[in-house]
Amino acid sequence: MSATVVFAIAWGALILGHWANNEPATSTKQVLEMAFALIIIALLDQGETEPVAKGFAWLFLAAVLLSSKSILTGLAKVTGTGTAPAK
């Protein structure tokens, strides 16, 4: 899978994470920043810099999925399967 596709999936997961946590899904600033980052990843995703682009894309996807405001934590709050707070 190319780095551009992985980064686009991460961006989608970021938007879904905001939505799942009842936050604004997108803003003009976020769209501009992510479009710029997607263009940079797409430019790096060819030739000798392809491994670097893939590394950045997979790191961004991991950061989005493991953040405290991710889609996974939003779904856990809704279903009640998250961990209980420490007493």
N, C-alpha and C. Protein backbone atom coordinates (compact mmCIF):
# COMPACT_ATOMS: atom_id res chain seq x y z
N MET A 1 0.85 -1.16 0.00
CA MET A 1 0.00 0.00 0.00
C MET A 1 0.90 1.23 0.00
N SER A 2 0.56 2.21 -0.81
CA SER A 2 1.41 3.39 -0.92
C SER A 2 1.24 4.30 0.30
N ALA A 3 2.21 5.13 0.52
CA ALA A 3 2.19 6.05 1.65
C ALA A 3 1.04 7.05 1.53
N THR A 4 0.73 7.45 0.32
CA THR A 4 -0.36 8.39 0.11
C THR A 4 -1.69 7.81 0.55
N VAL A 5 -1.91 6.55 0.24
CA VAL A 5 -3.16 5.88 0.65
C VAL A 5 -3.21 5.73 2.16
N VAL A 6 -2.11 5.34 2.78
CA VAL A 6 -2.08 5.19 4.24
C VAL A 6 -2.35 6.53 4.91
N PHE A 7 -1.76 7.60 4.39
CA PHE A 7 -1.96 8.92 4.96
C PHE A 7 -3.41 9.37 4.78
N ALA A 8 -4.01 9.08 3.64
CA ALA A 8 -5.42 9.44 3.42
C ALA A 8 -6.33 8.66 4.38
N ILE A 9 -6.02 7.40 4.64
CA ILE A 9 -6.79 6.61 5.61
C ILE A 9 -6.64 7.21 7.00
N ALA A 10 -5.43 7.64 7.34
CA ALA A 10 -5.20 8.27 8.65
C ALA A 10 -5.99 9.56 8.78
N TRP A 11 -6.05 10.33 7.72
CA TRP A 11 -6.83 11.57 7.74
C TRP A 11 -8.31 11.26 7.94
N GLY A 12 -8.81 10.24 7.27
CA GLY A 12 -10.20 9.82 7.46
C GLY A 12 -10.45 9.37 8.89
N ALA A 13 -9.50 8.63 9.46
CA ALA A 13 -9.64 8.18 10.85
C ALA A 13 -9.62 9.37 11.81
N LEU A 14 -8.84 10.39 11.49
CA LEU A 14 -8.81 11.60 12.31
C LEU A 14 -10.16 12.31 12.30
N ILE A 15 -10.75 12.43 11.13
CA ILE A 15 -12.06 13.07 11.01
C ILE A 15 -13.12 12.25 11.75
N LEU A 16 -13.09 10.93 11.59
CA LEU A 16 -14.04 10.07 12.30
C LEU A 16 -13.84 10.13 13.81
N GLY A 17 -12.59 10.26 14.24
CA GLY A 17 -12.30 10.38 15.66
C GLY A 17 -12.88 11.64 16.26
N HIS A 18 -12.77 12.74 15.53
CA HIS A 18 -13.38 13.99 16.00
C HIS A 18 -14.89 13.83 16.08
N TRP A 19 -15.47 13.23 15.06
CA TRP A 19 -16.91 13.04 15.03
C TRP A 19 -17.37 12.13 16.17
N ALA A 20 -16.65 11.05 16.43
CA ALA A 20 -17.03 10.10 17.48
C ALA A 20 -16.92 10.70 18.88
N ASN A 21 -16.08 11.71 19.04
CA ASN A 21 -15.91 12.36 20.34
C ASN A 21 -16.67 13.68 20.43
N ASN A 22 -17.65 13.87 19.56
CA ASN A 22 -18.52 15.06 19.54
C ASN A 22 -17.73 16.36 19.46
N GLU A 23 -16.75 16.39 18.60
CA GLU A 23 -15.98 17.59 18.32
C GLU A 23 -16.20 17.97 16.86
N PRO A 24 -15.92 19.22 16.51
CA PRO A 24 -16.05 19.59 15.09
C PRO A 24 -15.17 18.69 14.22
N ALA A 25 -15.76 18.12 13.19
CA ALA A 25 -15.04 17.14 12.36
C ALA A 25 -13.93 17.78 11.55
N THR A 26 -14.20 18.93 10.95
CA THR A 26 -13.18 19.59 10.14
C THR A 26 -13.23 21.09 10.36
N SER A 27 -12.14 21.71 10.05
CA SER A 27 -12.06 23.17 10.02
C SER A 27 -11.23 23.56 8.82
N THR A 28 -11.29 24.80 8.46
CA THR A 28 -10.51 25.26 7.31
C THR A 28 -9.02 25.06 7.56
N LYS A 29 -8.58 25.35 8.77
CA LYS A 29 -7.17 25.19 9.11
C LYS A 29 -6.73 23.72 8.97
N GLN A 30 -7.55 22.81 9.49
CA GLN A 30 -7.20 21.39 9.41
C GLN A 30 -7.15 20.91 7.96
N VAL A 31 -8.10 21.33 7.16
CA VAL A 31 -8.13 20.90 5.76
C VAL A 31 -6.89 21.41 5.03
N LEU A 32 -6.51 22.66 5.26
CA LEU A 32 -5.31 23.20 4.61
C LEU A 32 -4.05 22.48 5.07
N GLU A 33 -3.93 22.25 6.39
CA GLU A 33 -2.73 21.57 6.90
C GLU A 33 -2.64 20.14 6.38
N MET A 34 -3.74 19.43 6.40
CA MET A 34 -3.72 18.03 5.96
C MET A 34 -3.53 17.92 4.45
N ALA A 35 -4.09 18.83 3.69
CA ALA A 35 -3.87 18.81 2.25
C ALA A 35 -2.40 19.07 1.92
N PHE A 36 -1.78 20.01 2.63
CA PHE A 36 -0.36 20.28 2.43
C PHE A 36 0.47 19.04 2.80
N ALA A 37 0.15 18.42 3.93
CA ALA A 37 0.89 17.23 4.36
C ALA A 37 0.69 16.08 3.36
N LEU A 38 -0.52 15.93 2.85
CA LEU A 38 -0.79 14.87 1.87
C LEU A 38 0.00 15.10 0.59
N ILE A 39 0.12 16.35 0.17
CA ILE A 39 0.91 16.67 -1.02
C ILE A 39 2.38 16.34 -0.78
N ILE A 40 2.90 16.69 0.39
CA ILE A 40 4.31 16.39 0.71
C ILE A 40 4.54 14.88 0.71
N ILE A 41 3.63 14.12 1.34
CA ILE A 41 3.77 12.66 1.37
C ILE A 41 3.70 12.09 -0.05
N ALA A 42 2.80 12.63 -0.87
CA ALA A 42 2.68 12.15 -2.25
C ALA A 42 3.95 12.44 -3.05
N LEU A 43 4.58 13.59 -2.80
CA LEU A 43 5.82 13.91 -3.50
C LEU A 43 6.97 13.01 -3.03
N LEU A 44 6.98 12.68 -1.75
CA LEU A 44 8.02 11.80 -1.22
C LEU A 44 7.79 10.33 -1.59
N ASP A 45 6.58 9.99 -1.99
CA ASP A 45 6.18 8.61 -2.22
C ASP A 45 6.61 8.10 -3.60
N GLN A 46 7.82 8.41 -3.98
CA GLN A 46 8.35 7.94 -5.26
C GLN A 46 9.87 7.95 -5.21
N GLY A 47 10.45 7.02 -5.88
CA GLY A 47 11.90 6.96 -5.95
C GLY A 47 12.56 6.53 -4.66
N GLU A 48 13.69 7.14 -4.36
CA GLU A 48 14.48 6.75 -3.19
C GLU A 48 13.88 7.19 -1.87
N THR A 49 12.98 8.15 -1.90
CA THR A 49 12.38 8.66 -0.65
C THR A 49 11.10 7.92 -0.27
N GLU A 50 10.74 6.90 -1.03
CA GLU A 50 9.51 6.16 -0.74
C GLU A 50 9.50 5.54 0.66
N PRO A 51 10.58 4.92 1.14
CA PRO A 51 10.56 4.38 2.50
C PRO A 51 10.34 5.44 3.57
N VAL A 52 10.86 6.63 3.36
CA VAL A 52 10.66 7.73 4.31
C VAL A 52 9.19 8.13 4.35
N ALA A 53 8.58 8.24 3.18
CA ALA A 53 7.17 8.61 3.10
C ALA A 53 6.30 7.55 3.76
N LYS A 54 6.61 6.28 3.52
CA LYS A 54 5.83 5.20 4.15
C LYS A 54 5.99 5.23 5.67
N GLY A 55 7.19 5.51 6.14
CA GLY A 55 7.41 5.60 7.58
C GLY A 55 6.59 6.72 8.20
N PHE A 56 6.61 7.90 7.59
CA PHE A 56 5.82 9.02 8.11
C PHE A 56 4.33 8.71 8.09
N ALA A 57 3.86 8.10 7.00
CA ALA A 57 2.43 7.80 6.89
C ALA A 57 1.99 6.79 7.94
N TRP A 58 2.77 5.74 8.15
CA TRP A 58 2.40 4.74 9.15
C TRP A 58 2.50 5.30 10.56
N LEU A 59 3.48 6.16 10.81
CA LEU A 59 3.58 6.80 12.12
C LEU A 59 2.38 7.70 12.39
N PHE A 60 1.95 8.44 11.38
CA PHE A 60 0.79 9.30 11.54
C PHE A 60 -0.46 8.48 11.79
N LEU A 61 -0.62 7.38 11.07
CA LEU A 61 -1.78 6.51 11.30
C LEU A 61 -1.77 5.94 12.71
N ALA A 62 -0.62 5.50 13.18
CA ALA A 62 -0.51 4.97 14.54
C ALA A 62 -0.83 6.05 15.57
N ALA A 63 -0.33 7.26 15.35
CA ALA A 63 -0.60 8.35 16.29
C ALA A 63 -2.08 8.69 16.33
N VAL A 64 -2.74 8.68 15.18
CA VAL A 64 -4.17 8.99 15.14
C VAL A 64 -4.96 7.90 15.86
N LEU A 65 -4.64 6.64 15.61
CA LEU A 65 -5.41 5.55 16.21
C LEU A 65 -5.14 5.37 17.70
N LEU A 66 -3.96 5.80 18.17
CA LEU A 66 -3.62 5.63 19.58
C LEU A 66 -3.84 6.89 20.42
N SER A 67 -4.33 7.94 19.82
CA SER A 67 -4.54 9.18 20.57
C SER A 67 -5.75 9.06 21.49
N SER A 68 -5.84 9.97 22.44
CA SER A 68 -6.96 9.92 23.40
C SER A 68 -8.27 10.33 22.76
N LYS A 69 -8.25 10.95 21.62
CA LYS A 69 -9.46 11.37 20.92
C LYS A 69 -9.68 10.57 19.63
N SER A 70 -9.25 9.32 19.59
CA SER A 70 -9.36 8.53 18.38
C SER A 70 -10.76 7.94 18.23
N ILE A 71 -11.01 7.38 17.08
CA ILE A 71 -12.29 6.71 16.83
C ILE A 71 -12.46 5.52 17.77
N LEU A 72 -11.36 4.87 18.12
CA LEU A 72 -11.44 3.71 19.01
C LEU A 72 -11.90 4.10 20.40
N THR A 73 -11.38 5.20 20.94
CA THR A 73 -11.82 5.63 22.26
C THR A 73 -13.23 6.19 22.22
N GLY A 74 -13.60 6.83 21.14
CA GLY A 74 -14.97 7.32 20.99
C GLY A 74 -15.97 6.18 20.98
N LEU A 75 -15.64 5.10 20.28
CA LEU A 75 -16.53 3.94 20.25
C LEU A 75 -16.57 3.24 21.60
N ALA A 76 -15.44 3.21 22.30
CA ALA A 76 -15.41 2.57 23.62
C ALA A 76 -16.29 3.33 24.60
N LYS A 77 -16.35 4.65 24.49
CA LYS A 77 -17.20 5.44 25.37
C LYS A 77 -18.67 5.15 25.12
N VAL A 78 -19.03 4.97 23.86
CA VAL A 78 -20.42 4.71 23.51
C VAL A 78 -20.86 3.33 23.96
N THR A 79 -20.03 2.34 23.75
CA THR A 79 -20.41 0.97 24.08
C THR A 79 -20.18 0.64 25.54
N GLY A 80 -19.41 1.46 26.24
CA GLY A 80 -19.15 1.20 27.65
C GLY A 80 -18.14 0.10 27.89
N THR A 81 -17.33 -0.22 26.89
CA THR A 81 -16.34 -1.29 27.05
C THR A 81 -14.96 -0.75 27.38
N GLY A 82 -14.86 0.53 27.64
CA GLY A 82 -13.57 1.11 27.98
C GLY A 82 -13.16 0.70 29.40
N THR A 83 -11.97 1.03 29.76
CA THR A 83 -11.48 0.69 31.09
C THR A 83 -12.08 1.65 32.12
N ALA A 84 -12.33 1.14 33.27
CA ALA A 84 -12.89 1.96 34.35
C ALA A 84 -11.80 2.84 34.95
N PRO A 85 -12.16 4.04 35.42
CA PRO A 85 -11.14 4.89 36.04
C PRO A 85 -10.63 4.29 37.33
N ALA A 86 -9.37 4.56 37.64
CA ALA A 86 -8.75 4.01 38.85
C ALA A 86 -9.36 4.67 40.09
N LYS A 87 -9.53 3.89 41.14
CA LYS A 87 -10.11 4.42 42.38
C LYS A 87 -9.03 4.72 43.39
